[in-house]
Amino acid sequence: LQPEDTAVYYCNAERKFPWGNYWGQGT
């Protein structure tokens, strides 16, 4: 890890059939 990696990280899940998109709360 480098200082440039400092950020809030969010996970995401996307479903195609049926379509859906979901996000985590961030860490």
mmCIF file of all heavy atoms, coordinates in Angstrom:
data_MODEL
# 
_entry.id   MODEL 
# 
loop_
_atom_site.group_PDB 
_atom_site.id 
_atom_site.type_symbol 
_atom_site.label_atom_id 
_atom_site.label_alt_id 
_atom_site.label_comp_id 
_atom_site.label_asym_id 
_atom_site.label_entity_id 
_atom_site.label_seq_id 
_atom_site.pdbx_PDB_ins_code 
_atom_site.Cartn_x 
_atom_site.Cartn_y 
_atom_site.Cartn_z 
_atom_site.occupancy 
_atom_site.B_iso_or_equiv 
_atom_site.pdbx_formal_charge 
_atom_site.auth_seq_id 
_atom_site.auth_comp_id 
_atom_site.auth_asym_id 
_atom_site.auth_atom_id 
_atom_site.pdbx_PDB_model_num 
ATOM 1   N N   . LEU A 1 1  ? 0.823   -1.206  0.000   1.00 0.00 ? 1  LEU A N   1 
ATOM 2   C CA  . LEU A 1 1  ? 0.000   0.000   0.000   1.00 0.00 ? 1  LEU A CA  1 
ATOM 3   C C   . LEU A 1 1  ? 0.858   1.258   0.000   1.00 0.00 ? 1  LEU A C   1 
ATOM 4   O O   . LEU A 1 1  ? 1.917   1.310   0.626   1.00 0.00 ? 1  LEU A O   1 
ATOM 5   C CB  . LEU A 1 1  ? -0.936  0.000   1.199   1.00 0.00 ? 1  LEU A CB  1 
ATOM 6   C CG  . LEU A 1 1  ? -2.154  -0.920  1.045   1.00 0.00 ? 1  LEU A CG  1 
ATOM 7   C CD1 . LEU A 1 1  ? -2.788  -1.213  2.394   1.00 0.00 ? 1  LEU A CD1 1 
ATOM 8   C CD2 . LEU A 1 1  ? -3.169  -0.280  0.099   1.00 0.00 ? 1  LEU A CD2 1 
ATOM 9   N N   . GLN A 1 2  ? 0.381   2.254   -0.715  1.00 0.00 ? 2  GLN A N   1 
ATOM 10  C CA  . GLN A 1 2  ? 1.049   3.536   -0.866  1.00 0.00 ? 2  GLN A CA  1 
ATOM 11  C C   . GLN A 1 2  ? 0.128   4.644   -0.385  1.00 0.00 ? 2  GLN A C   1 
ATOM 12  O O   . GLN A 1 2  ? -1.094  4.476   -0.357  1.00 0.00 ? 2  GLN A O   1 
ATOM 13  C CB  . GLN A 1 2  ? 1.424   3.770   -2.332  1.00 0.00 ? 2  GLN A CB  1 
ATOM 14  C CG  . GLN A 1 2  ? 2.280   2.677   -2.941  1.00 0.00 ? 2  GLN A CG  1 
ATOM 15  C CD  . GLN A 1 2  ? 2.378   2.773   -4.453  1.00 0.00 ? 2  GLN A CD  1 
ATOM 16  O OE1 . GLN A 1 2  ? 1.865   3.719   -5.063  1.00 0.00 ? 2  GLN A OE1 1 
ATOM 17  N NE2 . GLN A 1 2  ? 3.044   1.813   -5.062  1.00 0.00 ? 2  GLN A NE2 1 
ATOM 18  N N   . PRO A 1 3  ? 0.680   5.805   -0.018  1.00 0.00 ? 3  PRO A N   1 
ATOM 19  C CA  . PRO A 1 3  ? -0.186  6.916   0.395   1.00 0.00 ? 3  PRO A CA  1 
ATOM 20  C C   . PRO A 1 3  ? -1.232  7.286   -0.646  1.00 0.00 ? 3  PRO A C   1 
ATOM 21  O O   . PRO A 1 3  ? -2.328  7.725   -0.279  1.00 0.00 ? 3  PRO A O   1 
ATOM 22  C CB  . PRO A 1 3  ? 0.813   8.062   0.622   1.00 0.00 ? 3  PRO A CB  1 
ATOM 23  C CG  . PRO A 1 3  ? 2.070   7.375   1.023   1.00 0.00 ? 3  PRO A CG  1 
ATOM 24  C CD  . PRO A 1 3  ? 2.103   6.105   0.201   1.00 0.00 ? 3  PRO A CD  1 
ATOM 25  N N   . GLU A 1 4  ? -0.921  7.108   -1.924  1.00 0.00 ? 4  GLU A N   1 
ATOM 26  C CA  . GLU A 1 4  ? -1.882  7.408   -2.985  1.00 0.00 ? 4  GLU A CA  1 
ATOM 27  C C   . GLU A 1 4  ? -3.099  6.491   -2.958  1.00 0.00 ? 4  GLU A C   1 
ATOM 28  O O   . GLU A 1 4  ? -4.102  6.778   -3.624  1.00 0.00 ? 4  GLU A O   1 
ATOM 29  C CB  . GLU A 1 4  ? -1.216  7.302   -4.362  1.00 0.00 ? 4  GLU A CB  1 
ATOM 30  C CG  . GLU A 1 4  ? 0.068   8.101   -4.495  1.00 0.00 ? 4  GLU A CG  1 
ATOM 31  C CD  . GLU A 1 4  ? 1.282   7.304   -4.066  1.00 0.00 ? 4  GLU A CD  1 
ATOM 32  O OE1 . GLU A 1 4  ? 1.791   6.501   -4.874  1.00 0.00 ? 4  GLU A OE1 1 
ATOM 33  O OE2 . GLU A 1 4  ? 1.737   7.497   -2.914  1.00 0.00 ? 4  GLU A OE2 1 
ATOM 34  N N   . ASP A 1 5  ? -3.034  5.391   -2.233  1.00 0.00 ? 5  ASP A N   1 
ATOM 35  C CA  . ASP A 1 5  ? -4.171  4.490   -2.099  1.00 0.00 ? 5  ASP A CA  1 
ATOM 36  C C   . ASP A 1 5  ? -5.175  4.962   -1.054  1.00 0.00 ? 5  ASP A C   1 
ATOM 37  O O   . ASP A 1 5  ? -6.249  4.362   -0.922  1.00 0.00 ? 5  ASP A O   1 
ATOM 38  C CB  . ASP A 1 5  ? -3.705  3.079   -1.735  1.00 0.00 ? 5  ASP A CB  1 
ATOM 39  C CG  . ASP A 1 5  ? -2.836  2.454   -2.815  1.00 0.00 ? 5  ASP A CG  1 
ATOM 40  O OD1 . ASP A 1 5  ? -3.182  2.575   -4.008  1.00 0.00 ? 5  ASP A OD1 1 
ATOM 41  O OD2 . ASP A 1 5  ? -1.808  1.842   -2.454  1.00 0.00 ? 5  ASP A OD2 1 
ATOM 42  N N   . THR A 1 6  ? -4.838  5.992   -0.310  1.00 0.00 ? 6  THR A N   1 
ATOM 43  C CA  . THR A 1 6  ? -5.741  6.512   0.713   1.00 0.00 ? 6  THR A CA  1 
ATOM 44  C C   . THR A 1 6  ? -7.037  6.996   0.073   1.00 0.00 ? 6  THR A C   1 
ATOM 45  O O   . THR A 1 6  ? -7.029  7.831   -0.837  1.00 0.00 ? 6  THR A O   1 
ATOM 46  C CB  . THR A 1 6  ? -5.078  7.655   1.485   1.00 0.00 ? 6  THR A CB  1 
ATOM 47  O OG1 . THR A 1 6  ? -3.955  7.149   2.211   1.00 0.00 ? 6  THR A OG1 1 
ATOM 48  C CG2 . THR A 1 6  ? -6.053  8.285   2.463   1.00 0.00 ? 6  THR A CG2 1 
ATOM 49  N N   . ALA A 1 7  ? -8.159  6.460   0.545   1.00 0.00 ? 7  ALA A N   1 
ATOM 50  C CA  . ALA A 1 7  ? -9.462  6.785   -0.033  1.00 0.00 ? 7  ALA A CA  1 
ATOM 51  C C   . ALA A 1 7  ? -10.540 6.072   0.762   1.00 0.00 ? 7  ALA A C   1 
ATOM 52  O O   . ALA A 1 7  ? -10.252 5.216   1.601   1.00 0.00 ? 7  ALA A O   1 
ATOM 53  C CB  . ALA A 1 7  ? -9.529  6.353   -1.505  1.00 0.00 ? 7  ALA A CB  1 
ATOM 54  N N   . VAL A 1 8  ? -11.777 6.429   0.471   1.00 0.00 ? 8  VAL A N   1 
ATOM 55  C CA  . VAL A 1 8  ? -12.907 5.633   0.917   1.00 0.00 ? 8  VAL A CA  1 
ATOM 56  C C   . VAL A 1 8  ? -13.183 4.596   -0.163  1.00 0.00 ? 8  VAL A C   1 
ATOM 57  O O   . VAL A 1 8  ? -13.338 4.937   -1.336  1.00 0.00 ? 8  VAL A O   1 
ATOM 58  C CB  . VAL A 1 8  ? -14.158 6.491   1.173   1.00 0.00 ? 8  VAL A CB  1 
ATOM 59  C CG1 . VAL A 1 8  ? -15.338 5.608   1.580   1.00 0.00 ? 8  VAL A CG1 1 
ATOM 60  C CG2 . VAL A 1 8  ? -13.879 7.524   2.259   1.00 0.00 ? 8  VAL A CG2 1 
ATOM 61  N N   . TYR A 1 9  ? -13.237 3.346   0.233   1.00 0.00 ? 9  TYR A N   1 
ATOM 62  C CA  . TYR A 1 9  ? -13.445 2.243   -0.694  1.00 0.00 ? 9  TYR A CA  1 
ATOM 63  C C   . TYR A 1 9  ? -14.878 1.755   -0.599  1.00 0.00 ? 9  TYR A C   1 
ATOM 64  O O   . TYR A 1 9  ? -15.399 1.519   0.495   1.00 0.00 ? 9  TYR A O   1 
ATOM 65  C CB  . TYR A 1 9  ? -12.479 1.096   -0.390  1.00 0.00 ? 9  TYR A CB  1 
ATOM 66  C CG  . TYR A 1 9  ? -11.074 1.373   -0.854  1.00 0.00 ? 9  TYR A CG  1 
ATOM 67  C CD1 . TYR A 1 9  ? -10.298 2.322   -0.218  1.00 0.00 ? 9  TYR A CD1 1 
ATOM 68  C CD2 . TYR A 1 9  ? -10.531 0.684   -1.941  1.00 0.00 ? 9  TYR A CD2 1 
ATOM 69  C CE1 . TYR A 1 9  ? -9.009  2.599   -0.654  1.00 0.00 ? 9  TYR A CE1 1 
ATOM 70  C CE2 . TYR A 1 9  ? -9.247  0.947   -2.379  1.00 0.00 ? 9  TYR A CE2 1 
ATOM 71  C CZ  . TYR A 1 9  ? -8.489  1.907   -1.729  1.00 0.00 ? 9  TYR A CZ  1 
ATOM 72  O OH  . TYR A 1 9  ? -7.212  2.170   -2.170  1.00 0.00 ? 9  TYR A OH  1 
ATOM 73  N N   . TYR A 1 10 ? -15.517 1.606   -1.757  1.00 0.00 ? 10 TYR A N   1 
ATOM 74  C CA  . TYR A 1 10 ? -16.900 1.164   -1.843  1.00 0.00 ? 10 TYR A CA  1 
ATOM 75  C C   . TYR A 1 10 ? -16.980 -0.118  -2.662  1.00 0.00 ? 10 TYR A C   1 
ATOM 76  O O   . TYR A 1 10 ? -16.402 -0.203  -3.740  1.00 0.00 ? 10 TYR A O   1 
ATOM 77  C CB  . TYR A 1 10 ? -17.774 2.217   -2.527  1.00 0.00 ? 10 TYR A CB  1 
ATOM 78  C CG  . TYR A 1 10 ? -17.822 3.552   -1.821  1.00 0.00 ? 10 TYR A CG  1 
ATOM 79  C CD1 . TYR A 1 10 ? -16.911 4.556   -2.138  1.00 0.00 ? 10 TYR A CD1 1 
ATOM 80  C CD2 . TYR A 1 10 ? -18.790 3.815   -0.862  1.00 0.00 ? 10 TYR A CD2 1 
ATOM 81  C CE1 . TYR A 1 10 ? -16.955 5.783   -1.503  1.00 0.00 ? 10 TYR A CE1 1 
ATOM 82  C CE2 . TYR A 1 10 ? -18.838 5.036   -0.228  1.00 0.00 ? 10 TYR A CE2 1 
ATOM 83  C CZ  . TYR A 1 10 ? -17.920 6.019   -0.550  1.00 0.00 ? 10 TYR A CZ  1 
ATOM 84  O OH  . TYR A 1 10 ? -17.968 7.238   0.072   1.00 0.00 ? 10 TYR A OH  1 
ATOM 85  N N   . CYS A 1 11 ? -17.721 -1.092  -2.172  1.00 0.00 ? 11 CYS A N   1 
ATOM 86  C CA  . CYS A 1 11 ? -17.978 -2.269  -2.986  1.00 0.00 ? 11 CYS A CA  1 
ATOM 87  C C   . CYS A 1 11 ? -19.275 -2.089  -3.748  1.00 0.00 ? 11 CYS A C   1 
ATOM 88  O O   . CYS A 1 11 ? -20.162 -1.328  -3.356  1.00 0.00 ? 11 CYS A O   1 
ATOM 89  C CB  . CYS A 1 11 ? -17.998 -3.548  -2.146  1.00 0.00 ? 11 CYS A CB  1 
ATOM 90  S SG  . CYS A 1 11 ? -19.349 -3.691  -0.967  1.00 0.00 ? 11 CYS A SG  1 
ATOM 91  N N   . ASN A 1 12 ? -19.365 -2.796  -4.860  1.00 0.00 ? 12 ASN A N   1 
ATOM 92  C CA  . ASN A 1 12 ? -20.516 -2.693  -5.744  1.00 0.00 ? 12 ASN A CA  1 
ATOM 93  C C   . ASN A 1 12 ? -20.861 -4.068  -6.290  1.00 0.00 ? 12 ASN A C   1 
ATOM 94  O O   . ASN A 1 12 ? -19.975 -4.876  -6.566  1.00 0.00 ? 12 ASN A O   1 
ATOM 95  C CB  . ASN A 1 12 ? -20.213 -1.734  -6.897  1.00 0.00 ? 12 ASN A CB  1 
ATOM 96  C CG  . ASN A 1 12 ? -21.306 -1.713  -7.948  1.00 0.00 ? 12 ASN A CG  1 
ATOM 97  O OD1 . ASN A 1 12 ? -21.197 -2.390  -8.978  1.00 0.00 ? 12 ASN A OD1 1 
ATOM 98  N ND2 . ASN A 1 12 ? -22.356 -0.958  -7.694  1.00 0.00 ? 12 ASN A ND2 1 
ATOM 99  N N   . ALA A 1 13 ? -22.145 -4.321  -6.436  1.00 0.00 ? 13 ALA A N   1 
ATOM 100 C CA  . ALA A 1 13 ? -22.619 -5.543  -7.074  1.00 0.00 ? 13 ALA A CA  1 
ATOM 101 C C   . ALA A 1 13 ? -23.654 -5.184  -8.116  1.00 0.00 ? 13 ALA A C   1 
ATOM 102 O O   . ALA A 1 13 ? -24.549 -4.374  -7.855  1.00 0.00 ? 13 ALA A O   1 
ATOM 103 C CB  . ALA A 1 13 ? -23.217 -6.499  -6.040  1.00 0.00 ? 13 ALA A CB  1 
ATOM 104 N N   . GLU A 1 14 ? -23.528 -5.769  -9.295  1.00 0.00 ? 14 GLU A N   1 
ATOM 105 C CA  . GLU A 1 14 ? -24.473 -5.512  -10.374 1.00 0.00 ? 14 GLU A CA  1 
ATOM 106 C C   . GLU A 1 14 ? -24.989 -6.821  -10.928 1.00 0.00 ? 14 GLU A C   1 
ATOM 107 O O   . GLU A 1 14 ? -24.208 -7.728  -11.224 1.00 0.00 ? 14 GLU A O   1 
ATOM 108 C CB  . GLU A 1 14 ? -23.826 -4.691  -11.483 1.00 0.00 ? 14 GLU A CB  1 
ATOM 109 C CG  . GLU A 1 14 ? -24.801 -4.335  -12.593 1.00 0.00 ? 14 GLU A CG  1 
ATOM 110 C CD  . GLU A 1 14 ? -24.289 -3.241  -13.492 1.00 0.00 ? 14 GLU A CD  1 
ATOM 111 O OE1 . GLU A 1 14 ? -24.144 -2.097  -13.003 1.00 0.00 ? 14 GLU A OE1 1 
ATOM 112 O OE2 . GLU A 1 14 ? -24.023 -3.532  -14.675 1.00 0.00 ? 14 GLU A OE2 1 
ATOM 113 N N   . ARG A 1 15 ? -26.293 -6.885  -11.055 1.00 0.00 ? 15 ARG A N   1 
ATOM 114 C CA  . ARG A 1 15 ? -26.967 -8.045  -11.607 1.00 0.00 ? 15 ARG A CA  1 
ATOM 115 C C   . ARG A 1 15 ? -27.580 -7.678  -12.939 1.00 0.00 ? 15 ARG A C   1 
ATOM 116 O O   . ARG A 1 15 ? -28.204 -6.620  -13.072 1.00 0.00 ? 15 ARG A O   1 
ATOM 117 C CB  . ARG A 1 15 ? -28.044 -8.526  -10.618 1.00 0.00 ? 15 ARG A CB  1 
ATOM 118 C CG  . ARG A 1 15 ? -28.744 -9.794  -11.020 1.00 0.00 ? 15 ARG A CG  1 
ATOM 119 C CD  . ARG A 1 15 ? -29.748 -10.188 -9.937  1.00 0.00 ? 15 ARG A CD  1 
ATOM 120 N NE  . ARG A 1 15 ? -30.770 -9.175  -9.774  1.00 0.00 ? 15 ARG A NE  1 
ATOM 121 C CZ  . ARG A 1 15 ? -31.190 -8.701  -8.600  1.00 0.00 ? 15 ARG A CZ  1 
ATOM 122 N NH1 . ARG A 1 15 ? -30.670 -9.174  -7.471  1.00 0.00 ? 15 ARG A NH1 1 
ATOM 123 N NH2 . ARG A 1 15 ? -32.135 -7.782  -8.551  1.00 0.00 ? 15 ARG A NH2 1 
ATOM 124 N N   . LYS A 1 16 ? -27.408 -8.516  -13.945 1.00 0.00 ? 16 LYS A N   1 
ATOM 125 C CA  . LYS A 1 16 ? -27.907 -8.216  -15.280 1.00 0.00 ? 16 LYS A CA  1 
ATOM 126 C C   . LYS A 1 16 ? -29.344 -8.678  -15.496 1.00 0.00 ? 16 LYS A C   1 
ATOM 127 O O   . LYS A 1 16 ? -30.126 -7.978  -16.131 1.00 0.00 ? 16 LYS A O   1 
ATOM 128 C CB  . LYS A 1 16 ? -26.999 -8.861  -16.330 1.00 0.00 ? 16 LYS A CB  1 
ATOM 129 C CG  . LYS A 1 16 ? -25.608 -8.240  -16.432 1.00 0.00 ? 16 LYS A CG  1 
ATOM 130 C CD  . LYS A 1 16 ? -25.698 -6.803  -16.911 1.00 0.00 ? 16 LYS A CD  1 
ATOM 131 C CE  . LYS A 1 16 ? -24.317 -6.266  -17.279 1.00 0.00 ? 16 LYS A CE  1 
ATOM 132 N NZ  . LYS A 1 16 ? -23.469 -6.082  -16.071 1.00 0.00 ? 16 LYS A NZ  1 
ATOM 133 N N   . PHE A 1 17 ? -29.699 -9.857  -14.972 1.00 0.00 ? 17 PHE A N   1 
ATOM 134 C CA  . PHE A 1 17 ? -31.022 -10.411 -15.208 1.00 0.00 ? 17 PHE A CA  1 
ATOM 135 C C   . PHE A 1 17 ? -31.644 -10.927 -13.924 1.00 0.00 ? 17 PHE A C   1 
ATOM 136 O O   . PHE A 1 17 ? -31.242 -11.983 -13.425 1.00 0.00 ? 17 PHE A O   1 
ATOM 137 C CB  . PHE A 1 17 ? -30.947 -11.547 -16.244 1.00 0.00 ? 17 PHE A CB  1 
ATOM 138 C CG  . PHE A 1 17 ? -30.360 -11.138 -17.553 1.00 0.00 ? 17 PHE A CG  1 
ATOM 139 C CD1 . PHE A 1 17 ? -29.047 -11.458 -17.866 1.00 0.00 ? 17 PHE A CD1 1 
ATOM 140 C CD2 . PHE A 1 17 ? -31.105 -10.414 -18.471 1.00 0.00 ? 17 PHE A CD2 1 
ATOM 141 C CE1 . PHE A 1 17 ? -28.503 -11.077 -19.075 1.00 0.00 ? 17 PHE A CE1 1 
ATOM 142 C CE2 . PHE A 1 17 ? -30.559 -10.025 -19.680 1.00 0.00 ? 17 PHE A CE2 1 
ATOM 143 C CZ  . PHE A 1 17 ? -29.261 -10.358 -19.975 1.00 0.00 ? 17 PHE A CZ  1 
ATOM 144 N N   . PRO A 1 18 ? -32.652 -10.226 -13.359 1.00 0.00 ? 18 PRO A N   1 
ATOM 145 C CA  . PRO A 1 18 ? -33.058 -8.874  -13.754 1.00 0.00 ? 18 PRO A CA  1 
ATOM 146 C C   . PRO A 1 18 ? -32.015 -7.864  -13.321 1.00 0.00 ? 18 PRO A C   1 
ATOM 147 O O   . PRO A 1 18 ? -31.231 -8.139  -12.400 1.00 0.00 ? 18 PRO A O   1 
ATOM 148 C CB  . PRO A 1 18 ? -34.387 -8.683  -13.027 1.00 0.00 ? 18 PRO A CB  1 
ATOM 149 C CG  . PRO A 1 18 ? -34.240 -9.511  -11.794 1.00 0.00 ? 18 PRO A CG  1 
ATOM 150 C CD  . PRO A 1 18 ? -33.443 -10.718 -12.206 1.00 0.00 ? 18 PRO A CD  1 
ATOM 151 N N   . TRP A 1 19 ? -31.993 -6.705  -13.947 1.00 0.00 ? 19 TRP A N   1 
ATOM 152 C CA  . TRP A 1 19 ? -30.983 -5.705  -13.630 1.00 0.00 ? 19 TRP A CA  1 
ATOM 153 C C   . TRP A 1 19 ? -31.123 -5.188  -12.200 1.00 0.00 ? 19 TRP A C   1 
ATOM 154 O O   . TRP A 1 19 ? -32.219 -4.917  -11.717 1.00 0.00 ? 19 TRP A O   1 
ATOM 155 C CB  . TRP A 1 19 ? -31.075 -4.530  -14.604 1.00 0.00 ? 19 TRP A CB  1 
ATOM 156 C CG  . TRP A 1 19 ? -29.937 -3.568  -14.428 1.00 0.00 ? 19 TRP A CG  1 
ATOM 157 C CD1 . TRP A 1 19 ? -28.724 -3.615  -15.036 1.00 0.00 ? 19 TRP A CD1 1 
ATOM 158 C CD2 . TRP A 1 19 ? -29.917 -2.429  -13.552 1.00 0.00 ? 19 TRP A CD2 1 
ATOM 159 N NE1 . TRP A 1 19 ? -27.934 -2.573  -14.606 1.00 0.00 ? 19 TRP A NE1 1 
ATOM 160 C CE2 . TRP A 1 19 ? -28.644 -1.832  -13.689 1.00 0.00 ? 19 TRP A CE2 1 
ATOM 161 C CE3 . TRP A 1 19 ? -30.848 -1.869  -12.677 1.00 0.00 ? 19 TRP A CE3 1 
ATOM 162 C CZ2 . TRP A 1 19 ? -28.277 -0.698  -12.979 1.00 0.00 ? 19 TRP A CZ2 1 
ATOM 163 C CZ3 . TRP A 1 19 ? -30.482 -0.734  -11.963 1.00 0.00 ? 19 TRP A CZ3 1 
ATOM 164 C CH2 . TRP A 1 19 ? -29.217 -0.163  -12.120 1.00 0.00 ? 19 TRP A CH2 1 
ATOM 165 N N   . GLY A 1 20 ? -29.987 -5.049  -11.539 1.00 0.00 ? 20 GLY A N   1 
ATOM 166 C CA  . GLY A 1 20 ? -29.935 -4.464  -10.217 1.00 0.00 ? 20 GLY A CA  1 
ATOM 167 C C   . GLY A 1 20 ? -28.541 -3.968  -9.921  1.00 0.00 ? 20 GLY A C   1 
ATOM 168 O O   . GLY A 1 20 ? -27.557 -4.519  -10.423 1.00 0.00 ? 20 GLY A O   1 
ATOM 169 N N   . ASN A 1 21 ? -28.426 -2.927  -9.110  1.00 0.00 ? 21 ASN A N   1 
ATOM 170 C CA  . ASN A 1 21 ? -27.140 -2.345  -8.763  1.00 0.00 ? 21 ASN A CA  1 
ATOM 171 C C   . ASN A 1 21 ? -27.156 -1.960  -7.287  1.00 0.00 ? 21 ASN A C   1 
ATOM 172 O O   . ASN A 1 21 ? -28.080 -1.286  -6.840  1.00 0.00 ? 21 ASN A O   1 
ATOM 173 C CB  . ASN A 1 21 ? -26.836 -1.133  -9.637  1.00 0.00 ? 21 ASN A CB  1 
ATOM 174 C CG  . ASN A 1 21 ? -25.421 -0.641  -9.472  1.00 0.00 ? 21 ASN A CG  1 
ATOM 175 O OD1 . ASN A 1 21 ? -25.155 0.228   -8.641  1.00 0.00 ? 21 ASN A OD1 1 
ATOM 176 N ND2 . ASN A 1 21 ? -24.507 -1.190  -10.252 1.00 0.00 ? 21 ASN A ND2 1 
ATOM 177 N N   . TYR A 1 22 ? -26.127 -2.377  -6.550  1.00 0.00 ? 22 TYR A N   1 
ATOM 178 C CA  . TYR A 1 22 ? -26.093 -2.196  -5.104  1.00 0.00 ? 22 TYR A CA  1 
ATOM 179 C C   . TYR A 1 22 ? -24.724 -1.714  -4.664  1.00 0.00 ? 22 TYR A C   1 
ATOM 180 O O   . TYR A 1 22 ? -23.702 -2.071  -5.253  1.00 0.00 ? 22 TYR A O   1 
ATOM 181 C CB  . TYR A 1 22 ? -26.439 -3.517  -4.401  1.00 0.00 ? 22 TYR A CB  1 
ATOM 182 C CG  . TYR A 1 22 ? -27.700 -4.151  -4.922  1.00 0.00 ? 22 TYR A CG  1 
ATOM 183 C CD1 . TYR A 1 22 ? -27.661 -5.102  -5.928  1.00 0.00 ? 22 TYR A CD1 1 
ATOM 184 C CD2 . TYR A 1 22 ? -28.946 -3.783  -4.413  1.00 0.00 ? 22 TYR A CD2 1 
ATOM 185 C CE1 . TYR A 1 22 ? -28.816 -5.677  -6.423  1.00 0.00 ? 22 TYR A CE1 1 
ATOM 186 C CE2 . TYR A 1 22 ? -30.103 -4.346  -4.902  1.00 0.00 ? 22 TYR A CE2 1 
ATOM 187 C CZ  . TYR A 1 22 ? -30.036 -5.293  -5.904  1.00 0.00 ? 22 TYR A CZ  1 
ATOM 188 O OH  . TYR A 1 22 ? -31.193 -5.858  -6.392  1.00 0.00 ? 22 TYR A OH  1 
ATOM 189 N N   . TRP A 1 23 ? -24.713 -0.904  -3.608  1.00 0.00 ? 23 TRP A N   1 
ATOM 190 C CA  . TRP A 1 23 ? -23.484 -0.310  -3.079  1.00 0.00 ? 23 TRP A CA  1 
ATOM 191 C C   . TRP A 1 23 ? -23.333 -0.569  -1.597  1.00 0.00 ? 23 TRP A C   1 
ATOM 192 O O   . TRP A 1 23 ? -24.318 -0.579  -0.851  1.00 0.00 ? 23 TRP A O   1 
ATOM 193 C CB  . TRP A 1 23 ? -23.479 1.196   -3.310  1.00 0.00 ? 23 TRP A CB  1 
ATOM 194 C CG  . TRP A 1 23 ? -23.333 1.586   -4.744  1.00 0.00 ? 23 TRP A CG  1 
ATOM 195 C CD1 . TRP A 1 23 ? -24.331 1.825   -5.641  1.00 0.00 ? 23 TRP A CD1 1 
ATOM 196 C CD2 . TRP A 1 23 ? -22.102 1.779   -5.447  1.00 0.00 ? 23 TRP A CD2 1 
ATOM 197 N NE1 . TRP A 1 23 ? -23.802 2.158   -6.859  1.00 0.00 ? 23 TRP A NE1 1 
ATOM 198 C CE2 . TRP A 1 23 ? -22.444 2.140   -6.768  1.00 0.00 ? 23 TRP A CE2 1 
ATOM 199 C CE3 . TRP A 1 23 ? -20.762 1.694   -5.094  1.00 0.00 ? 23 TRP A CE3 1 
ATOM 200 C CZ2 . TRP A 1 23 ? -21.466 2.410   -7.733  1.00 0.00 ? 23 TRP A CZ2 1 
ATOM 201 C CZ3 . TRP A 1 23 ? -19.801 1.956   -6.049  1.00 0.00 ? 23 TRP A CZ3 1 
ATOM 202 C CH2 . TRP A 1 23 ? -20.164 2.311   -7.353  1.00 0.00 ? 23 TRP A CH2 1 
ATOM 203 N N   . GLY A 1 24 ? -22.091 -0.763  -1.170  1.00 0.00 ? 24 GLY A N   1 
ATOM 204 C CA  . GLY A 1 24 ? -21.777 -0.828  0.238   1.00 0.00 ? 24 GLY A CA  1 
ATOM 205 C C   . GLY A 1 24 ? -21.706 0.554   0.847   1.00 0.00 ? 24 GLY A C   1 
ATOM 206 O O   . GLY A 1 24 ? -21.801 1.577   0.156   1.00 0.00 ? 24 GLY A O   1 
ATOM 207 N N   . GLN A 1 25 ? -21.518 0.603   2.167   1.00 0.00 ? 25 GLN A N   1 
ATOM 208 C CA  . GLN A 1 25 ? -21.549 1.876   2.887   1.00 0.00 ? 25 GLN A CA  1 
ATOM 209 C C   . GLN A 1 25 ? -20.237 2.644   2.813   1.00 0.00 ? 25 GLN A C   1 
ATOM 210 O O   . GLN A 1 25 ? -20.197 3.821   3.176   1.00 0.00 ? 25 GLN A O   1 
ATOM 211 C CB  . GLN A 1 25 ? -21.914 1.631   4.364   1.00 0.00 ? 25 GLN A CB  1 
ATOM 212 C CG  . GLN A 1 25 ? -20.760 1.177   5.251   1.00 0.00 ? 25 GLN A CG  1 
ATOM 213 C CD  . GLN A 1 25 ? -20.437 -0.302  5.166   1.00 0.00 ? 25 GLN A CD  1 
ATOM 214 O OE1 . GLN A 1 25 ? -20.949 -1.012  4.308   1.00 0.00 ? 25 GLN A OE1 1 
ATOM 215 N NE2 . GLN A 1 25 ? -19.580 -0.772  6.069   1.00 0.00 ? 25 GLN A NE2 1 
ATOM 216 N N   . GLY A 1 26 ? -19.184 2.014   2.352   1.00 0.00 ? 26 GLY A N   1 
ATOM 217 C CA  . GLY A 1 26 ? -17.872 2.630   2.276   1.00 0.00 ? 26 GLY A CA  1 
ATOM 218 C C   . GLY A 1 26 ? -17.036 2.334   3.503   1.00 0.00 ? 26 GLY A C   1 
ATOM 219 O O   . GLY A 1 26 ? -17.549 2.277   4.624   1.00 0.00 ? 26 GLY A O   1 
ATOM 220 N N   . THR A 1 27 ? -15.742 2.144   3.299   1.00 0.00 ? 27 THR A N   1 
ATOM 221 C CA  . THR A 1 27 ? -14.818 1.928   4.401   1.00 0.00 ? 27 THR A CA  1 
ATOM 222 C C   . THR A 1 27 ? -13.543 2.717   4.126   1.00 0.00 ? 27 THR A C   1 
ATOM 223 O O   . THR A 1 27 ? -13.032 2.722   3.008   1.00 0.00 ? 27 THR A O   1 
ATOM 224 C CB  . THR A 1 27 ? -14.520 0.430   4.606   1.00 0.00 ? 27 THR A CB  1 
ATOM 225 O OG1 . THR A 1 27 ? -13.706 0.252   5.766   1.00 0.00 ? 27 THR A OG1 1 
ATOM 226 C CG2 . THR A 1 27 ? -13.819 -0.183  3.401   1.00 0.00 ? 27 THR A CG2 1 
# 
